[in-house]
Amino acid sequence: MPDCLAMRPPRPRVALLALLAAVLAAPPAALAETPHLVRVDAARVLRPLRHFWRSTGFCPPLPHNQADQYDLSWDQQLNLAYIGAVLMVALSRSGHIGCWTSSQSGR
């Protein structure tokens, strides 16, 4: 077989996109997990809650007394869609979840 016809291994980005397409094409039942019941007793404190989260960009700009205008804005919808679409592992590795604004999306 000539070298020009030899198959090359897929590049990592192509393989990742193929995996993402396969996951998105899977029927919803295949992705479902067994439901769990969680009970929370908030009446008493067991131990301090250590800080385990990073900034999500969810904090509205000043003035905070008009936060509802930001929370319902297109920019915030993009923020939430971005956070929901990206794996938390990738976000924690980068160390930052930035705010995505309409100026970045070209809107």
N, C-alpha and C. Protein backbone atom coordinates (compact mmCIF):
# COMPACT_ATOMS: atom_id res chain seq x y z
N MET A 1 0.86 -1.18 0.00
CA MET A 1 0.00 0.00 0.00
C MET A 1 0.90 1.24 0.00
N PRO A 2 0.64 2.21 -0.87
CA PRO A 2 1.45 3.43 -0.89
C PRO A 2 1.31 4.19 0.43
N ASP A 3 2.36 4.92 0.77
CA ASP A 3 2.35 5.69 2.02
C ASP A 3 1.23 6.73 2.05
N CYS A 4 0.88 7.27 0.89
CA CYS A 4 -0.15 8.31 0.87
C CYS A 4 -1.52 7.75 1.23
N LEU A 5 -1.72 6.43 1.11
CA LEU A 5 -3.01 5.84 1.44
C LEU A 5 -3.03 5.23 2.84
N ALA A 6 -1.89 5.22 3.51
CA ALA A 6 -1.84 4.66 4.86
C ALA A 6 -2.69 5.51 5.80
N MET A 7 -3.39 4.85 6.68
CA MET A 7 -4.25 5.58 7.63
C MET A 7 -3.41 6.14 8.75
N ARG A 8 -3.66 7.38 9.06
CA ARG A 8 -2.99 8.00 10.20
C ARG A 8 -3.89 7.87 11.42
N PRO A 9 -3.33 7.79 12.61
CA PRO A 9 -4.18 7.76 13.80
C PRO A 9 -4.90 9.10 13.94
N PRO A 10 -6.12 9.09 14.46
CA PRO A 10 -6.85 10.35 14.60
C PRO A 10 -6.15 11.28 15.59
N ARG A 11 -6.22 12.54 15.30
CA ARG A 11 -5.65 13.53 16.22
C ARG A 11 -6.52 13.58 17.46
N PRO A 12 -5.95 13.96 18.62
CA PRO A 12 -6.73 13.98 19.86
C PRO A 12 -7.99 14.82 19.77
N ARG A 13 -7.93 15.96 19.10
CA ARG A 13 -9.10 16.83 19.02
C ARG A 13 -10.22 16.17 18.23
N VAL A 14 -9.85 15.50 17.14
CA VAL A 14 -10.83 14.80 16.31
C VAL A 14 -11.45 13.65 17.10
N ALA A 15 -10.62 12.92 17.84
CA ALA A 15 -11.13 11.81 18.65
C ALA A 15 -12.07 12.32 19.73
N LEU A 16 -11.74 13.45 20.34
CA LEU A 16 -12.60 14.02 21.37
C LEU A 16 -13.93 14.47 20.79
N LEU A 17 -13.90 15.07 19.61
CA LEU A 17 -15.15 15.48 18.97
C LEU A 17 -16.00 14.27 18.58
N ALA A 18 -15.36 13.20 18.14
CA ALA A 18 -16.10 11.98 17.81
C ALA A 18 -16.74 11.39 19.05
N LEU A 19 -16.02 11.40 20.17
CA LEU A 19 -16.58 10.90 21.43
C LEU A 19 -17.75 11.76 21.87
N LEU A 20 -17.61 13.07 21.78
CA LEU A 20 -18.70 13.98 22.15
C LEU A 20 -19.92 13.74 21.27
N ALA A 21 -19.72 13.56 19.98
CA ALA A 21 -20.85 13.29 19.08
C ALA A 21 -21.54 11.98 19.44
N ALA A 22 -20.76 10.97 19.81
CA ALA A 22 -21.36 9.68 20.18
C ALA A 22 -22.17 9.80 21.46
N VAL A 23 -21.66 10.57 22.43
CA VAL A 23 -22.40 10.76 23.69
C VAL A 23 -23.69 11.53 23.44
N LEU A 24 -23.62 12.57 22.61
CA LEU A 24 -24.82 13.37 22.33
C LEU A 24 -25.84 12.58 21.51
N ALA A 25 -25.38 11.65 20.70
CA ALA A 25 -26.29 10.85 19.87
C ALA A 25 -26.90 9.68 20.63
N ALA A 26 -26.36 9.37 21.80
CA ALA A 26 -26.88 8.24 22.58
C ALA A 26 -28.29 8.55 23.06
N PRO A 27 -29.14 7.53 23.13
CA PRO A 27 -30.50 7.76 23.64
C PRO A 27 -30.45 8.19 25.10
N PRO A 28 -31.37 9.06 25.53
CA PRO A 28 -31.35 9.57 26.90
C PRO A 28 -31.37 8.46 27.95
N ALA A 29 -32.05 7.36 27.68
CA ALA A 29 -32.12 6.27 28.67
C ALA A 29 -30.74 5.68 28.93
N ALA A 30 -29.88 5.70 27.92
CA ALA A 30 -28.55 5.13 28.10
C ALA A 30 -27.69 5.99 29.02
N LEU A 31 -28.00 7.28 29.09
CA LEU A 31 -27.22 8.19 29.92
C LEU A 31 -27.79 8.33 31.33
N ALA A 32 -28.98 7.84 31.55
CA ALA A 32 -29.62 8.01 32.85
C ALA A 32 -28.96 7.13 33.90
N GLU A 33 -28.95 7.64 35.12
CA GLU A 33 -28.42 6.88 36.25
C GLU A 33 -29.57 6.54 37.18
N THR A 34 -29.30 5.64 38.09
CA THR A 34 -30.29 5.30 39.09
C THR A 34 -30.48 6.49 40.02
N PRO A 35 -31.73 6.88 40.28
CA PRO A 35 -31.95 8.03 41.17
C PRO A 35 -31.53 7.70 42.60
N HIS A 36 -31.11 8.72 43.31
CA HIS A 36 -30.69 8.57 44.70
C HIS A 36 -31.53 9.49 45.57
N LEU A 37 -31.78 9.07 46.78
CA LEU A 37 -32.49 9.88 47.75
C LEU A 37 -31.47 10.47 48.71
N VAL A 38 -31.49 11.78 48.87
CA VAL A 38 -30.57 12.46 49.77
C VAL A 38 -31.39 13.19 50.82
N ARG A 39 -31.10 12.92 52.07
CA ARG A 39 -31.78 13.62 53.17
C ARG A 39 -30.79 14.55 53.84
N VAL A 40 -31.23 15.77 54.09
CA VAL A 40 -30.38 16.77 54.72
C VAL A 40 -31.06 17.26 55.98
N ASP A 41 -30.34 17.20 57.10
CA ASP A 41 -30.83 17.75 58.36
C ASP A 41 -30.09 19.06 58.58
N ALA A 42 -30.73 20.16 58.21
CA ALA A 42 -30.09 21.47 58.34
C ALA A 42 -30.33 22.10 59.70
N ALA A 43 -30.94 21.37 60.62
CA ALA A 43 -31.24 21.91 61.94
C ALA A 43 -30.00 21.99 62.82
N ARG A 44 -28.98 21.18 62.52
CA ARG A 44 -27.78 21.21 63.37
C ARG A 44 -26.53 21.19 62.49
N VAL A 45 -25.48 21.78 63.03
CA VAL A 45 -24.21 21.86 62.32
C VAL A 45 -23.34 20.68 62.72
N LEU A 46 -22.86 19.94 61.76
CA LEU A 46 -21.97 18.82 62.04
C LEU A 46 -20.50 19.24 62.04
N ARG A 47 -20.13 20.07 61.08
CA ARG A 47 -18.75 20.54 60.96
C ARG A 47 -18.75 21.74 60.01
N PRO A 48 -17.69 22.52 60.02
CA PRO A 48 -17.63 23.68 59.12
C PRO A 48 -17.61 23.24 57.65
N LEU A 49 -18.17 24.06 56.80
CA LEU A 49 -18.17 23.82 55.37
C LEU A 49 -16.93 24.48 54.77
N ARG A 50 -15.98 23.64 54.35
CA ARG A 50 -14.75 24.18 53.76
C ARG A 50 -15.05 24.70 52.35
N HIS A 51 -14.31 25.71 51.96
CA HIS A 51 -14.46 26.30 50.63
C HIS A 51 -13.93 25.29 49.60
N PHE A 52 -14.79 24.79 48.73
CA PHE A 52 -14.38 23.80 47.73
C PHE A 52 -14.68 24.27 46.31
N TRP A 53 -15.30 25.41 46.14
CA TRP A 53 -15.71 25.86 44.82
C TRP A 53 -14.81 26.99 44.35
N ARG A 54 -14.91 27.27 43.08
CA ARG A 54 -14.18 28.39 42.48
C ARG A 54 -15.21 29.37 41.92
N SER A 55 -14.73 30.52 41.53
CA SER A 55 -15.62 31.53 40.97
C SER A 55 -16.26 31.01 39.69
N THR A 56 -17.54 31.24 39.55
CA THR A 56 -18.25 30.81 38.35
C THR A 56 -18.63 31.98 37.45
N GLY A 57 -18.33 33.20 37.88
CA GLY A 57 -18.74 34.35 37.11
C GLY A 57 -20.21 34.68 37.31
N PHE A 58 -20.84 34.05 38.32
CA PHE A 58 -22.27 34.25 38.54
C PHE A 58 -22.56 35.54 39.29
N CYS A 59 -21.55 36.14 39.92
CA CYS A 59 -21.76 37.36 40.69
C CYS A 59 -22.13 38.50 39.72
N PRO A 60 -23.25 39.16 39.96
CA PRO A 60 -23.66 40.24 39.05
C PRO A 60 -22.78 41.47 39.24
N PRO A 61 -22.70 42.31 38.21
CA PRO A 61 -21.94 43.55 38.35
C PRO A 61 -22.65 44.51 39.28
N LEU A 62 -21.94 45.51 39.72
CA LEU A 62 -22.54 46.53 40.59
C LEU A 62 -23.54 47.35 39.80
N PRO A 63 -24.59 47.87 40.36
CA PRO A 63 -25.02 47.73 41.75
C PRO A 63 -25.74 46.39 41.97
N HIS A 64 -25.45 45.75 43.09
CA HIS A 64 -26.02 44.44 43.38
C HIS A 64 -27.52 44.49 43.64
N ASN A 65 -28.06 45.66 43.93
CA ASN A 65 -29.51 45.73 44.17
C ASN A 65 -30.31 45.62 42.87
N GLN A 66 -29.63 45.58 41.73
CA GLN A 66 -30.29 45.37 40.44
C GLN A 66 -29.84 44.04 39.82
N ALA A 67 -29.53 43.07 40.68
CA ALA A 67 -29.01 41.78 40.22
C ALA A 67 -30.00 41.05 39.33
N ASP A 68 -31.29 41.27 39.53
CA ASP A 68 -32.28 40.57 38.72
C ASP A 68 -32.13 40.90 37.24
N GLN A 69 -31.74 42.13 36.94
CA GLN A 69 -31.57 42.52 35.53
C GLN A 69 -30.42 41.73 34.90
N TYR A 70 -29.37 41.48 35.67
CA TYR A 70 -28.24 40.71 35.16
C TYR A 70 -28.58 39.22 35.10
N ASP A 71 -29.24 38.72 36.14
CA ASP A 71 -29.56 37.29 36.20
C ASP A 71 -30.44 36.84 35.04
N LEU A 72 -31.26 37.74 34.52
CA LEU A 72 -32.17 37.41 33.43
C LEU A 72 -31.63 37.83 32.06
N SER A 73 -30.40 38.34 32.03
CA SER A 73 -29.84 38.87 30.78
C SER A 73 -29.30 37.76 29.88
N TRP A 74 -29.08 38.12 28.62
CA TRP A 74 -28.51 37.18 27.66
C TRP A 74 -27.11 36.76 28.08
N ASP A 75 -26.31 37.71 28.61
CA ASP A 75 -24.96 37.38 29.06
C ASP A 75 -24.98 36.29 30.12
N GLN A 76 -25.90 36.39 31.06
CA GLN A 76 -25.96 35.39 32.12
C GLN A 76 -26.47 34.05 31.58
N GLN A 77 -27.35 34.07 30.62
CA GLN A 77 -27.79 32.81 30.00
C GLN A 77 -26.60 32.11 29.33
N LEU A 78 -25.73 32.89 28.69
CA LEU A 78 -24.53 32.32 28.09
C LEU A 78 -23.60 31.77 29.16
N ASN A 79 -23.44 32.51 30.28
CA ASN A 79 -22.60 32.02 31.38
C ASN A 79 -23.08 30.66 31.85
N LEU A 80 -24.38 30.54 32.10
CA LEU A 80 -24.92 29.30 32.63
C LEU A 80 -24.83 28.17 31.61
N ALA A 81 -25.04 28.49 30.34
CA ALA A 81 -24.90 27.46 29.30
C ALA A 81 -23.46 26.98 29.21
N TYR A 82 -22.52 27.92 29.32
CA TYR A 82 -21.10 27.56 29.26
C TYR A 82 -20.72 26.68 30.44
N ILE A 83 -21.12 27.08 31.62
CA ILE A 83 -20.78 26.30 32.82
C ILE A 83 -21.41 24.92 32.74
N GLY A 84 -22.64 24.84 32.26
CA GLY A 84 -23.30 23.55 32.16
C GLY A 84 -22.74 22.65 31.08
N ALA A 85 -22.09 23.24 30.08
CA ALA A 85 -21.61 22.45 28.95
C ALA A 85 -20.19 21.93 29.13
N VAL A 86 -19.44 22.54 30.01
CA VAL A 86 -18.03 22.18 30.16
C VAL A 86 -17.87 21.27 31.37
N LEU A 87 -17.08 20.25 31.23
CA LEU A 87 -16.84 19.34 32.34
C LEU A 87 -16.17 20.07 33.50
N MET A 88 -16.61 19.80 34.72
CA MET A 88 -16.04 20.46 35.89
C MET A 88 -14.56 20.10 36.05
N VAL A 89 -14.16 18.92 35.60
CA VAL A 89 -12.75 18.55 35.69
C VAL A 89 -11.90 19.52 34.87
N ALA A 90 -12.37 19.83 33.68
CA ALA A 90 -11.63 20.75 32.82
C ALA A 90 -11.59 22.13 33.44
N LEU A 91 -12.69 22.55 34.05
CA LEU A 91 -12.73 23.87 34.66
C LEU A 91 -11.81 23.94 35.86
N SER A 92 -11.78 22.90 36.68
CA SER A 92 -10.94 22.95 37.87
C SER A 92 -9.46 22.86 37.48
N ARG A 93 -9.15 22.19 36.36
CA ARG A 93 -7.76 22.14 35.91
C ARG A 93 -7.30 23.51 35.44
N SER A 94 -8.18 24.25 34.80
CA SER A 94 -7.79 25.57 34.31
C SER A 94 -7.70 26.57 35.45
N GLY A 95 -8.42 26.29 36.55
CA GLY A 95 -8.37 27.18 37.70
C GLY A 95 -9.23 28.41 37.55
N HIS A 96 -9.99 28.51 36.47
CA HIS A 96 -10.79 29.72 36.27
C HIS A 96 -12.00 29.40 35.41
N ILE A 97 -13.12 29.93 35.82
CA ILE A 97 -14.32 29.90 34.99
C ILE A 97 -14.66 31.36 34.74
N GLY A 98 -14.39 31.85 33.56
CA GLY A 98 -14.60 33.25 33.29
C GLY A 98 -16.02 33.57 32.89
N CYS A 99 -16.33 34.84 32.93
CA CYS A 99 -17.64 35.29 32.46
C CYS A 99 -17.62 35.33 30.94
N TRP A 100 -18.64 34.81 30.32
CA TRP A 100 -18.79 34.84 28.87
C TRP A 100 -19.81 35.91 28.56
N THR A 101 -19.44 36.91 27.81
CA THR A 101 -20.34 38.02 27.54
C THR A 101 -20.73 38.04 26.07
N SER A 102 -21.78 38.79 25.77
CA SER A 102 -22.25 38.85 24.39
C SER A 102 -21.21 39.48 23.48
N SER A 103 -20.31 40.31 24.01
CA SER A 103 -19.27 40.88 23.17
C SER A 103 -18.30 39.80 22.70
N GLN A 104 -18.13 38.72 23.51
CA GLN A 104 -17.27 37.63 23.10
C GLN A 104 -17.96 36.71 22.11
N SER A 105 -19.27 36.65 22.17
CA SER A 105 -20.00 35.73 21.29
C SER A 105 -20.30 36.35 19.93
N GLY A 106 -19.99 37.63 19.76
CA GLY A 106 -20.25 38.28 18.50
C GLY A 106 -21.68 38.74 18.34
N ARG A 107 -22.42 38.73 19.41
CA ARG A 107 -23.82 39.13 19.36
C ARG A 107 -23.96 40.62 19.53
